[in-house]
Structure formats: C-alpha cells, structure tokens
PDB file of N, CA and C in Angstrom:
ATOM      1  N   MET A   1    -103.406-193.286 -70.234  1.00  0.00           N
ATOM      2  CA  MET A   1    -102.266-194.091 -70.594  1.00  0.00           C
ATOM      3  C   MET A   1    -101.043-193.444 -69.963  1.00  0.00           C
ATOM      4  N   LEU A   2    -100.121-194.265 -69.468  1.00  0.00           N
ATOM      5  CA  LEU A   2     -98.878-193.728 -68.936  1.00  0.00           C
ATOM      6  C   LEU A   2     -97.741-194.707 -69.159  1.00  0.00           C
ATOM      7  N   ILE A   3     -96.527-194.185 -69.009  1.00  0.00           N
ATOM      8  CA  ILE A   3     -95.318-194.990 -69.105  1.00  0.00           C
ATOM      9  C   ILE A   3     -94.770-195.121 -67.699  1.00  0.00           C
ATOM     10  N   GLY A   4     -94.332-196.316 -67.361  1.00  0.00           N
ATOM     11  CA  GLY A   4     -93.796-196.527 -66.026  1.00  0.00           C
ATOM     12  C   GLY A   4     -92.757-197.624 -66.012  1.00  0.00           C
ATOM     13  N   THR A   5     -92.147-197.784 -64.843  1.00  0.00           N
ATOM     14  CA  THR A   5     -91.135-198.815 -64.630  1.00  0.00           C
ATOM     15  C   THR A   5     -91.682-199.826 -63.636  1.00  0.00           C
ATOM     16  N   VAL A   6     -91.521-201.102 -63.943  1.00  0.00           N
ATOM     17  CA  VAL A   6     -91.966-202.163 -63.034  1.00  0.00           C
ATOM     18  C   VAL A   6     -91.027-202.184 -61.829  1.00  0.00           C
ATOM     19  N   VAL A   7     -91.603-202.015 -60.631  1.00  0.00           N
ATOM     20  CA  VAL A   7     -90.784-201.984 -59.416  1.00  0.00           C
ATOM     21  C   VAL A   7     -91.131-203.107 -58.442  1.00  0.00           C
ATOM     22  N   GLY A   8     -92.107-203.944 -58.783  1.00  0.00           N
ATOM     23  CA  GLY A   8     -92.436-205.033 -57.872  1.00  0.00           C
ATOM     24  C   GLY A   8     -93.571-205.903 -58.378  1.00  0.00           C
ATOM     25  N   ASN A   9     -93.837-206.949 -57.615  1.00  0.00           N
ATOM     26  CA  ASN A   9     -94.925-207.890 -57.883  1.00  0.00           C
ATOM     27  C   ASN A   9     -95.913-207.836 -56.728  1.00  0.00           C
ATOM     28  N   VAL A  10     -97.151-208.222 -56.989  1.00  0.00           N
ATOM     29  CA  VAL A  10     -98.172-208.310 -55.947  1.00  0.00           C
ATOM     30  C   VAL A  10     -98.698-209.739 -55.937  1.00  0.00           C
ATOM     31  N   TRP A  11     -98.752-210.340 -54.748  1.00  0.00           N
ATOM     32  CA  TRP A  11     -99.372-211.646 -54.575  1.00  0.00           C
ATOM     33  C   TRP A  11    -100.529-211.477 -53.618  1.00  0.00           C
ATOM     34  N   ALA A  12    -101.659-212.058 -53.934  1.00  0.00           N
ATOM     35  CA  ALA A  12    -102.835-211.975 -53.071  1.00  0.00           C
ATOM     36  C   ALA A  12    -103.530-213.332 -53.050  1.00  0.00           C
ATOM     37  N   THR A  13    -103.583-213.942 -51.874  1.00  0.00           N
ATOM     38  CA  THR A  13    -104.247-215.240 -51.785  1.00  0.00           C
ATOM     39  C   THR A  13    -105.757-215.076 -51.750  1.00  0.00           C
ATOM     40  N   LYS A  14    -106.244-213.950 -51.268  1.00  0.00           N
ATOM     41  CA  LYS A  14    -107.680-213.655 -51.274  1.00  0.00           C
ATOM     42  C   LYS A  14    -107.898-212.466 -52.190  1.00  0.00           C
ATOM     43  N   LYS A  15    -108.688-212.666 -53.231  1.00  0.00           N
ATOM     44  CA  LYS A  15    -108.964-211.606 -54.196  1.00  0.00           C
ATOM     45  C   LYS A  15    -110.270-211.897 -54.913  1.00  0.00           C
ATOM     46  N   ASP A  16    -110.750-210.924 -55.649  1.00  0.00           N
ATOM     47  CA  ASP A  16    -111.950-211.097 -56.448  1.00  0.00           C
ATOM     48  C   ASP A  16    -111.741-212.288 -57.387  1.00  0.00           C
ATOM     49  N   PRO A  17    -112.721-213.161 -57.509  1.00  0.00           N
ATOM     50  CA  PRO A  17    -112.573-214.350 -58.363  1.00  0.00           C
ATOM     51  C   PRO A  17    -112.215-214.035 -59.818  1.00  0.00           C
ATOM     52  N   THR A  18    -112.589-212.855 -60.320  1.00  0.00           N
ATOM     53  CA  THR A  18    -112.271-212.512 -61.712  1.00  0.00           C
ATOM     54  C   THR A  18    -110.779-212.277 -61.921  1.00  0.00           C
ATOM     55  N   LEU A  19    -110.022-212.153 -60.828  1.00  0.00           N
ATOM     56  CA  LEU A  19    -108.575-211.918 -60.936  1.00  0.00           C
ATOM     57  C   LEU A  19    -107.758-213.199 -60.834  1.00  0.00           C
ATOM     58  N   THR A  20    -108.410-214.328 -60.680  1.00  0.00           N
ATOM     59  CA  THR A  20    -107.709-215.605 -60.562  1.00  0.00           C
ATOM     60  C   THR A  20    -106.833-215.850 -61.795  1.00  0.00           C
ATOM     61  N   GLY A  21    -105.591-216.189 -61.543  1.00  0.00           N
ATOM     62  CA  GLY A  21    -104.662-216.510 -62.625  1.00  0.00           C
ATOM     63  C   GLY A  21    -103.992-215.312 -63.270  1.00  0.00           C
ATOM     64  N   LEU A  22    -104.290-214.098 -62.806  1.00  0.00           N
ATOM     65  CA  LEU A  22    -103.671-212.907 -63.397  1.00  0.00           C
ATOM     66  C   LEU A  22    -102.457-212.458 -62.588  1.00  0.00           C
ATOM     67  N   ARG A  23    -101.445-212.008 -63.288  1.00  0.00           N
ATOM     68  CA  ARG A  23    -100.211-211.520 -62.667  1.00  0.00           C
ATOM     69  C   ARG A  23    -100.350-210.023 -62.419  1.00  0.00           C
ATOM     70  N   LEU A  24    -100.027-209.588 -61.191  1.00  0.00           N
ATOM     71  CA  LEU A  24    -100.136-208.183 -60.826  1.00  0.00           C
ATOM     72  C   LEU A  24     -98.753-207.591 -60.581  1.00  0.00           C
ATOM     73  N   LEU A  25     -98.512-206.414 -61.159  1.00  0.00           N
ATOM     74  CA  LEU A  25     -97.231-205.734 -61.016  1.00  0.00           C
ATOM     75  C   LEU A  25     -97.403-204.375 -60.346  1.00  0.00           C
ATOM     76  N   VAL A  26     -96.391-203.955 -59.612  1.00  0.00           N
ATOM     77  CA  VAL A  26     -96.330-202.599 -59.070  1.00  0.00           C
ATOM     78  C   VAL A  26     -95.537-201.767 -60.074  1.00  0.00           C
ATOM     79  N   ILE A  27     -96.120-200.638 -60.499  1.00  0.00           N
ATOM     80  CA  ILE A  27     -95.521-199.773 -61.522  1.00  0.00           C
ATOM     81  C   ILE A  27     -95.298-198.383 -60.942  1.00  0.00           C
ATOM     82  N   ARG A  28     -94.114-197.822 -61.169  1.00  0.00           N
ATOM     83  CA  ARG A  28     -93.825-196.434 -60.785  1.00  0.00           C
ATOM     84  C   ARG A  28     -93.846-195.597 -62.062  1.00  0.00           C
ATOM     85  N   PRO A  29     -94.699-194.563 -62.142  1.00  0.00           N
ATOM     86  CA  PRO A  29     -94.766-193.731 -63.343  1.00  0.00           C
ATOM     87  C   PRO A  29     -93.427-193.096 -63.698  1.00  0.00           C
ATOM     88  N   TYR A  30     -93.149-192.995 -65.000  1.00  0.00           N
ATOM     89  CA  TYR A  30     -91.938-192.355 -65.523  1.00  0.00           C
ATOM     90  C   TYR A  30     -92.118-190.845 -65.455  1.00  0.00           C
ATOM     91  N   THR A  31     -91.070-190.150 -65.051  1.00  0.00           N
ATOM     92  CA  THR A  31     -91.085-188.682 -65.053  1.00  0.00           C
ATOM     93  C   THR A  31     -89.955-188.179 -65.940  1.00  0.00           C
ATOM     94  N   THR A  32     -90.207-187.111 -66.678  1.00  0.00           N
ATOM     95  CA  THR A  32     -89.195-186.589 -67.602  1.00  0.00           C
ATOM     96  C   THR A  32     -88.124-185.778 -66.904  1.00  0.00           C
ATOM     97  N   ASP A  33     -88.320-185.417 -65.628  1.00  0.00           N
ATOM     98  CA  ASP A  33     -87.303-184.641 -64.917  1.00  0.00           C
ATOM     99  C   ASP A  33     -86.242-185.514 -64.257  1.00  0.00           C
ATOM    100  N   GLY A  34     -86.385-186.831 -64.387  1.00  0.00           N
ATOM    101  CA  GLY A  34     -85.393-187.745 -63.831  1.00  0.00           C
ATOM    102  C   GLY A  34     -85.591-188.088 -62.370  1.00  0.00           C
ATOM    103  N   LYS A  35     -86.519-187.436 -61.704  1.00  0.00           N
ATOM    104  CA  LYS A  35     -86.785-187.711 -60.292  1.00  0.00           C
ATOM    105  C   LYS A  35     -87.807-188.837 -60.194  1.00  0.00           C
ATOM    106  N   ALA A  36     -87.595-189.724 -59.248  1.00  0.00           N
ATOM    107  CA  ALA A  36     -88.528-190.840 -59.068  1.00  0.00           C
ATOM    108  C   ALA A  36     -89.867-190.326 -58.564  1.00  0.00           C
ATOM    109  N   SER A  37     -90.932-190.817 -59.140  1.00  0.00           N
ATOM    110  CA  SER A  37     -92.275-190.469 -58.691  1.00  0.00           C
ATOM    111  C   SER A  37     -92.516-191.092 -57.325  1.00  0.00           C
ATOM    112  N   ALA A  38     -93.256-190.393 -56.477  1.00  0.00           N
ATOM    113  CA  ALA A  38     -93.620-190.930 -55.170  1.00  0.00           C
ATOM    114  C   ALA A  38     -94.811-191.869 -55.278  1.00  0.00           C
ATOM    115  N   GLU A  39     -95.480-191.858 -56.419  1.00  0.00           N
ATOM    116  CA  GLU A  39     -96.685-192.664 -56.626  1.00  0.00           C
ATOM    117  C   GLU A  39     -96.342-194.018 -57.238  1.00  0.00           C
ATOM    118  N   THR A  40     -97.194-194.987 -56.970  1.00  0.00           N
ATOM    119  CA  THR A  40     -97.126-196.279 -57.658  1.00  0.00           C
ATOM    120  C   THR A  40     -98.557-196.699 -57.978  1.00  0.00           C
ATOM    121  N   LEU A  41     -98.683-197.662 -58.873  1.00  0.00           N
ATOM    122  CA  LEU A  41     -99.984-198.231 -59.191  1.00  0.00           C
ATOM    123  C   LEU A  41     -99.798-199.707 -59.444  1.00  0.00           C
ATOM    124  N   VAL A  42    -100.898-200.427 -59.427  1.00  0.00           N
ATOM    125  CA  VAL A  42    -100.871-201.862 -59.681  1.00  0.00           C
ATOM    126  C   VAL A  42    -101.578-202.111 -61.006  1.00  0.00           C
ATOM    127  N   ALA A  43    -100.962-202.943 -61.844  1.00  0.00           N
ATOM    128  CA  ALA A  43    -101.537-203.254 -63.157  1.00  0.00           C
ATOM    129  C   ALA A  43    -101.451-204.753 -63.420  1.00  0.00           C
ATOM    130  N   VAL A  44    -102.450-205.264 -64.114  1.00  0.00           N
ATOM    131  CA  VAL A  44    -102.428-206.655 -64.575  1.00  0.00           C
ATOM    132  C   VAL A  44    -101.432-206.751 -65.725  1.00  0.00           C
ATOM    133  N   ASP A  45    -100.624-207.810 -65.721  1.00  0.00           N
ATOM    134  CA  ASP A  45     -99.633-208.013 -66.787  1.00  0.00           C
ATOM    135  C   ASP A  45     -99.875-209.343 -67.471  1.00  0.00           C
ATOM    136  N   THR A  46    -100.257-209.294 -68.739  1.00  0.00           N
ATOM    137  CA  THR A  46    -100.436-210.516 -69.519  1.00  0.00           C
ATOM    138  C   THR A  46     -99.281-210.726 -70.494  1.00  0.00           C
ATOM    139  N   LEU A  47     -98.288-209.801 -70.480  1.00  0.00           N
ATOM    140  CA  LEU A  47     -97.190-209.852 -71.445  1.00  0.00           C
ATOM    141  C   LEU A  47     -95.890-210.421 -70.888  1.00  0.00           C
ATOM    142  N   GLY A  48     -95.748-210.464 -69.576  1.00  0.00           N
ATOM    143  CA  GLY A  48     -94.536-211.012 -68.984  1.00  0.00           C
ATOM    144  C   GLY A  48     -93.451-209.993 -68.715  1.00  0.00           C
ATOM    145  N   ALA A  49     -93.811-208.761 -68.385  1.00  0.00           N
ATOM    146  CA  ALA A  49     -92.812-207.740 -68.059  1.00  0.00           C
ATOM    147  C   ALA A  49     -92.086-208.110 -66.775  1.00  0.00           C
ATOM    148  N   GLY A  50     -90.823-207.693 -66.686  1.00  0.00           N
ATOM    149  CA  GLY A  50     -90.022-208.009 -65.517  1.00  0.00           C
ATOM    150  C   GLY A  50     -89.667-206.770 -64.717  1.00  0.00           C
ATOM    151  N   ILE A  51     -89.166-206.995 -63.519  1.00  0.00           N
ATOM    152  CA  ILE A  51     -88.729-205.905 -62.647  1.00  0.00           C
ATOM    153  C   ILE A  51     -87.695-205.062 -63.396  1.00  0.00           C
ATOM    154  N   GLY A  52     -87.855-203.748 -63.345  1.00  0.00           N
ATOM    155  CA  GLY A  52     -86.924-202.822 -63.980  1.00  0.00           C
ATOM    156  C   GLY A  52     -87.283-202.440 -65.404  1.00  0.00           C
ATOM    157  N   GLU A  53     -88.209-203.162 -66.027  1.00  0.00           N
ATOM    158  CA  GLU A  53     -88.574-202.855 -67.416  1.00  0.00           C
ATOM    159  C   GLU A  53     -89.570-201.701 -67.479  1.00  0.00           C
ATOM    160  N   ARG A  54     -89.476-200.950 -68.565  1.00  0.00           N
ATOM    161  CA  ARG A  54     -90.422-199.870 -68.833  1.00  0.00           C
ATOM    162  C   ARG A  54     -91.624-200.440 -69.575  1.00  0.00           C
ATOM    163  N   VAL A  55     -92.807-199.989 -69.166  1.00  0.00           N
ATOM    164  CA  VAL A  55     -94.036-200.506 -69.745  1.00  0.00           C
ATOM    165  C   VAL A  55     -95.013-199.378 -70.062  1.00  0.00           C
ATOM    166  N   LEU A  56     -95.932-199.664 -70.969  1.00  0.00           N
ATOM    167  CA  LEU A  56     -97.031-198.782 -71.305  1.00  0.00           C
ATOM    168  C   LEU A  56     -98.263-199.308 -70.571  1.00  0.00           C
ATOM    169  N   VAL A  57     -98.882-198.455 -69.759  1.00  0.00           N
ATOM    170  CA  VAL A  57    -100.022-198.864 -68.943  1.00  0.00           C
ATOM    171  C   VAL A  57    -101.282-198.168 -69.452  1.00  0.00           C
ATOM    172  N   VAL A  58    -102.362-198.929 -69.589  1.00  0.00           N
ATOM    173  CA  VAL A  58    -103.649-198.386 -70.022  1.00  0.00           C
ATOM    174  C   VAL A  58    -104.691-198.614 -68.930  1.00  0.00           C
ATOM    175  N   PHE A  59    -105.775-197.851 -69.030  1.00  0.00           N
ATOM    176  CA  PHE A  59    -106.805-197.863 -68.003  1.00  0.00           C
ATOM    177  C   PHE A  59    -108.181-198.112 -68.614  1.00  0.00           C
ATOM    178  N   GLY A  60    -109.133-198.489 -67.768  1.00  0.00           N
ATOM    179  CA  GLY A  60    -110.526-198.605 -68.178  1.00  0.00           C
ATOM    180  C   GLY A  60    -110.783-199.682 -69.212  1.00  0.00           C
ATOM    181  N   ARG A  61    -111.580-199.307 -70.216  1.00  0.00           N
ATOM    182  CA  ARG A  61    -111.971-200.258 -71.257  1.00  0.00           C
ATOM    183  C   ARG A  61    -110.756-200.831 -71.989  1.00  0.00           C
ATOM    184  N   ALA A  62    -109.764-199.979 -72.270  1.00  0.00           N
ATOM    185  CA  ALA A  62    -108.545-200.454 -72.950  1.00  0.00           C
ATOM    186  C   ALA A  62    -107.839-201.510 -72.105  1.00  0.00           C
ATOM    187  N   ALA A  63    -107.813-201.320 -70.794  1.00  0.00           N
ATOM    188  CA  ALA A  63    -107.179-202.300 -69.907  1.00  0.00           C
ATOM    189  C   ALA A  63    -107.949-203.615 -69.911  1.00  0.00           C
ATOM    190  N   ARG A  64    -109.248-203.528 -69.814  1.00  0.00           N
ATOM    191  CA  ARG A  64    -110.055-204.758 -69.823  1.00  0.00           C
ATOM    192  C   ARG A  64    -109.873-205.510 -71.138  1.00  0.00           C
ATOM    193  N   HIS A  65    -109.735-204.777 -72.234  1.00  0.00           N
ATOM    194  CA  HIS A  65    -109.483-205.407 -73.537  1.00  0.00           C
ATOM    195  C   HIS A  65    -108.136-206.134 -73.518  1.00  0.00           C
ATOM    196  N   CYS A  66    -107.100-205.487 -72.984  1.00  0.00           N
ATOM    197  CA  CYS A  66    -105.763-206.111 -72.907  1.00  0.00           C
ATOM    198  C   CYS A  66    -105.775-207.357 -72.033  1.00  0.00           C
ATOM    199  N   ILE A  67    -106.530-207.301 -70.951  1.00  0.00           N
ATOM    200  CA  ILE A  67    -106.604-208.442 -70.038  1.00  0.00           C
ATOM    201  C   ILE A  67    -107.312-209.613 -70.710  1.00  0.00           C
ATOM    202  N   GLY A  68    -108.279-209.308 -71.576  1.00  0.00           N
ATOM    203  CA  GLY A  68    -108.928-210.350 -72.371  1.00  0.00           C
ATOM    204  C   GLY A  68    -110.086-211.059 -71.704  1.00  0.00           C
ATOM    205  N   ARG A  69    -110.676-210.440 -70.717  1.00  0.00           N
ATOM    206  CA  ARG A  69    -111.811-211.074 -70.045  1.00  0.00           C
ATOM    207  C   ARG A  69    -113.058-210.196 -70.128  1.00  0.00           C
ATOM    208  N   SER A  70    -113.184-209.456 -71.171  1.00  0.00           N
ATOM    209  CA  SER A  70    -114.313-208.552 -71.432  1.00  0.00           C
ATOM    210  C   SER A  70    -114.544-207.607 -70.258  1.00  0.00           C
ATOM    211  N   HIS A  71    -115.778-207.261 -70.020  1.00  0.00           N
ATOM    212  CA  HIS A  71    -116.092-206.311 -68.950  1.00  0.00           C
ATOM    213  C   HIS A  71    -116.337-206.995 -67.613  1.00  0.00           C
ATOM    214  N   ASP A  72    -116.280-208.298 -67.605  1.00  0.00           N
ATOM    215  CA  ASP A  72    -116.558-209.048 -66.384  1.00  0.00           C
ATOM    216  C   ASP A  72    -115.295-209.282 -65.567  1.00  0.00           C
ATOM    217  N   ILE A  73    -114.604-208.192 -65.231  1.00  0.00           N
ATOM    218  CA  ILE A  73    -113.383-208.299 -64.441  1.00  0.00           C
ATOM    219  C   ILE A  73    -113.320-207.138 -63.463  1.00  0.00           C
ATOM    220  N   GLY A  74    -112.801-207.414 -62.293  1.00  0.00           N
ATOM    221  CA  GLY A  74    -112.724-206.394 -61.259  1.00  0.00           C
ATOM    222  C   GLY A  74    -111.411-205.623 -61.282  1.00  0.00           C
ATOM    223  N   PHE A  75    -110.957-205.214 -62.471  1.00  0.00           N
ATOM    224  CA  PHE A  75    -109.692-204.484 -62.571  1.00  0.00           C
ATOM    225  C   PHE A  75    -109.716-203.592 -63.799  1.00  0.00           C
ATOM    226  N   GLN A  76    -109.103-202.415 -63.716  1.00  0.00           N
ATOM    227  CA  GLN A  76    -109.140-201.492 -64.847  1.00  0.00           C
ATOM    228  C   GLN A  76    -107.780-200.882 -65.163  1.00  0.00           C
ATOM    229  N   THR A  77    -106.702-201.593 -64.865  1.00  0.00           N
ATOM    230  CA  THR A  77    -105.354-201.130 -65.184  1.00  0.00           C
ATOM    231  C   THR A  77    -104.570-202.318 -65.728  1.00  0.00           C
ATOM    232  N   ALA A  78    -103.898-202.141 -66.880  1.00  0.00           N
ATOM    233  CA  ALA A  78    -103.174-203.263 -67.478  1.00  0.00           C
ATOM    234  C   ALA A  78    -101.936-202.791 -68.235  1.00  0.00           C
ATOM    235  N   VAL A  79    -100.952-203.670 -68.310  1.00  0.00           N
ATOM    236  CA  VAL A  79     -99.767-203.433 -69.137  1.00  0.00           C
ATOM    237  C   VAL A  79    -100.157-203.755 -70.580  1.00  0.00           C
ATOM    238  N   ALA A  80    -100.010-202.759 -71.458  1.00  0.00           N
ATOM    239  CA  ALA A  80    -100.365-202.940 -72.868  1.00  0.00           C
ATOM    240  C   ALA A  80     -99.137-203.127 -73.743  1.00  0.00           C
ATOM    241  N   GLY A  81     -97.957-202.797 -73.231  1.00  0.00           N
ATOM    242  CA  GLY A  81     -96.745-202.956 -74.023  1.00  0.00           C
ATOM    243  C   GLY A  81     -95.498-202.871 -73.162  1.00  0.00           C
ATOM    244  N   ILE A  82     -94.449-203.551 -73.607  1.00  0.00           N
ATOM    245  CA  ILE A  82     -93.126-203.453 -72.977  1.00  0.00           C
ATOM    246  C   ILE A  82     -92.290-202.590 -73.907  1.00  0.00           C
ATOM    247  N   ILE A  83     -91.752-201.503 -73.389  1.00  0.00           N
ATOM    248  CA  ILE A  83     -91.095-200.487 -74.215  1.00  0.00           C
ATOM    249  C   ILE A  83     -89.657-200.884 -74.547  1.00  0.00           C
ATOM    250  N   ASP A  84     -89.313-200.771 -75.829  1.00  0.00           N
ATOM    251  CA  ASP A  84     -87.941-201.008 -76.277  1.00  0.00           C
ATOM    252  C   ASP A  84     -87.117-199.721 -76.218  1.00  0.00           C
ATOM    253  N   ARG A  85     -87.751-198.601 -76.621  1.00  0.00           N
ATOM    254  CA  ARG A  85     -87.028-197.332 -76.638  1.00  0.00           C
ATOM    255  C   ARG A  85     -88.013-196.194 -76.867  1.00  0.00           C
ATOM    256  N   MET A  86     -87.685-195.028 -76.321  1.00  0.00           N
ATOM    257  CA  MET A  86     -88.450-193.806 -76.575  1.00  0.00           C
ATOM    258  C   MET A  86     -87.451-192.692 -76.856  1.00  0.00           C
ATOM    259  N   GLU A  87     -87.863-191.742 -77.658  1.00  0.00           N
ATOM    260  CA  GLU A  87     -87.050-190.551 -77.864  1.00  0.00           C
ATOM    261  C   GLU A  87     -87.910-189.346 -77.534  1.00  0.00           C
ATOM    262  N   LEU A  88     -87.428-188.501 -76.629  1.00  0.00           N
ATOM    263  CA  LEU A  88     -88.164-187.316 -76.225  1.00  0.00           C
ATOM    264  C   LEU A  88     -87.814-186.139 -77.123  1.00  0.00           C
ATOM    265  N   ALA A  89     -88.603-185.089 -77.072  1.00  0.00           N
ATOM    266  CA  ALA A  89     -88.423-183.914 -77.931  1.00  0.00           C
ATOM    267  C   ALA A  89     -87.049-183.269 -77.750  1.00  0.00           C
ATOM    268  N   ASP A  90     -86.469-183.348 -76.555  1.00  0.00           N
ATOM    269  CA  ASP A  90     -85.157-182.730 -76.319  1.00  0.00           C
ATOM    270  C   ASP A  90     -83.991-183.620 -76.749  1.00  0.00           C
ATOM    271  N   GLY A  91     -84.298-184.765 -77.359  1.00  0.00           N
ATOM    272  CA  GLY A  91     -83.260-185.679 -77.832  1.00  0.00           C
ATOM    273  C   GLY A  91     -82.881-186.762 -76.848  1.00  0.00           C
ATOM    274  N   THR A  92     -83.446-186.734 -75.650  1.00  0.00           N
ATOM    275  CA  THR A  92     -83.160-187.770 -74.661  1.00  0.00           C
ATOM    276  C   THR A  92     -83.676-189.111 -75.161  1.00  0.00           C
ATOM    277  N   LEU A  93     -82.823-190.136 -75.073  1.00  0.00           N
ATOM    278  CA  LEU A  93     -83.232-191.500 -75.415  1.00  0.00           C
ATOM    279  C   LEU A  93     -83.555-192.234 -74.119  1.00  0.00           C
ATOM    280  N   VAL A  94     -84.743-192.771 -74.042  1.00  0.00           N
ATOM    281  CA  VAL A  94     -85.204-193.499 -72.874  1.00  0.00           C
ATOM    282  C   VAL A  94     -85.186-194.968 -73.244  1.00  0.00           C
ATOM    283  N   GLY A  95     -84.416-195.737 -72.498  1.00  0.00           N
ATOM    284  CA  GLY A  95     -84.240-197.147 -72.809  1.00  0.00           C
ATOM    285  C   GLY A  95     -85.287-198.038 -72.169  1.00  0.00           C
ATOM    286  N   PRO A  96     -85.154-199.335 -72.388  1.00  0.00           N
ATOM    287  CA  PRO A  96     -86.098-200.287 -71.825  1.00  0.00           C
ATOM    288  C   PRO A  96     -85.981-200.407 -70.303  1.00  0.00           C
ATOM    289  N   THR A  97     -84.858-199.978 -69.740  1.00  0.00           N
ATOM    290  CA  THR A  97     -84.653-199.912 -68.305  1.00  0.00           C
ATOM    291  C   THR A  97     -83.980-198.580 -67.976  1.00  0.00           C
ATOM    292  N   PRO A  98     -84.120-198.081 -66.750  1.00  0.00           N
ATOM    293  CA  PRO A  98     -83.492-196.805 -66.397  1.00  0.00           C
ATOM    294  C   PRO A  98     -81.983-196.766 -66.615  1.00  0.00           C
ATOM    295  N   SER A  99     -81.291-197.877 -66.455  1.00  0.00           N
ATOM    296  CA  SER A  99     -79.835-197.896 -66.639  1.00  0.00           C
ATOM    297  C   SER A  99     -79.415-197.694 -68.099  1.00  0.00           C
ATOM    298  N   GLU A 100     -80.357-197.829 -69.023  1.00  0.00           N
ATOM    299  CA  GLU A 100     -80.049-197.676 -70.449  1.00  0.00           C
ATOM    300  C   GLU A 100     -80.472-196.328 -71.014  1.00  0.00           C
ATOM    301  N   ASP A 101     -80.909-195.397 -70.146  1.00  0.00           N
ATOM    302  CA  ASP A 101     -81.290-194.056 -70.607  1.00  0.00           C
ATOM    303  C   ASP A 101     -80.043-193.284 -71.029  1.00  0.00           C
ATOM    304  N   ARG A 102     -80.196-192.435 -72.036  1.00  0.00           N
ATOM    305  CA  ARG A 102     -79.097-191.582 -72.513  1.00  0.00           C
ATOM    306  C   ARG A 102     -79.619-190.159 -72.673  1.00  0.00           C
ATOM    307  N   THR A 103     -78.998-189.222 -71.984  1.00  0.00           N
ATOM    308  CA  THR A 103     -79.401-187.838 -72.135  1.00  0.00           C
ATOM    309  C   THR A 103     -78.733-187.246 -73.357  1.00  0.00           C
ATOM    310  N   ARG A 104     -79.331-186.191 -73.857  1.00  0.00           N
ATOM    311  CA  ARG A 104     -78.828-185.514 -75.046  1.00  0.00           C
ATOM    312  C   ARG A 104     -77.432-184.951 -74.768  1.00  0.00           C
ATOM    313  N   ALA A 105     -76.520-185.176 -75.680  1.00  0.00           N
ATOM    314  CA  ALA A 105     -75.169-184.617 -75.556  1.00  0.00           C
ATOM    315  C   ALA A 105     -75.202-183.125 -75.841  1.00  0.00           C
ATOM    316  N   ILE A 106     -74.533-182.354 -74.997  1.00  0.00           N
ATOM    317  CA  ILE A 106     -74.497-180.889 -75.190  1.00  0.00           C
ATOM    318  C   ILE A 106     -73.208-180.472 -75.838  1.00  0.00           C
TER     319      ILE A 106
END
C-alpha cells in the first residue's frame, strides 16, 4: 500500500479485454522529505480521483477486490481511497493536494 499524487491519465485503445471500461491513472508516490519521487505507477481508479489529488493505492488481491472483477483481471494496482488529510508524526499536515500541505510551525 502506498500514498501518492495523481499526475496523469492513461488511454489505451489496445489492451487486455479485462481492462475494458476501466480508468487508468498515473500516480507519483508521496515522499516525506518533500522531494518529488522519480518513480510513477499506473493504477485502476474506480473512485473518480482527479489530477493533483492524493490517493491511497493498493496492490495484488486488495487491488483486484477494489476493482470489483474478482481474480479475472489483468491488473494488480488500484486506487482504494482519495485522501482528505494526513498528519505525520512530526506534526506535518498533508492535504488532499500538495498545495494544501502545512509543515509544522517551529
């Protein structure tokens, strides 16, 4: 499971038939040091997350459950939640989008 920010959409006219009708998003993992991750991943989104929103991403069986097509699907990454807010141990408040983050006041 990881937290990430939606940074794009994926469109594919040719794909595995089990993916027909599913929305695919490009997600950049969240890092606590404030630096953008160089990595991205693609996840199925059944919740309607938008560009810039923070999401909770799950993998494997949990992802297939979220997608709702049992084990007969050619994908193992899915958006399981759209994040409203997080609070880290150091007091940093992480908002639903990067522009709404608030660092701990010193």
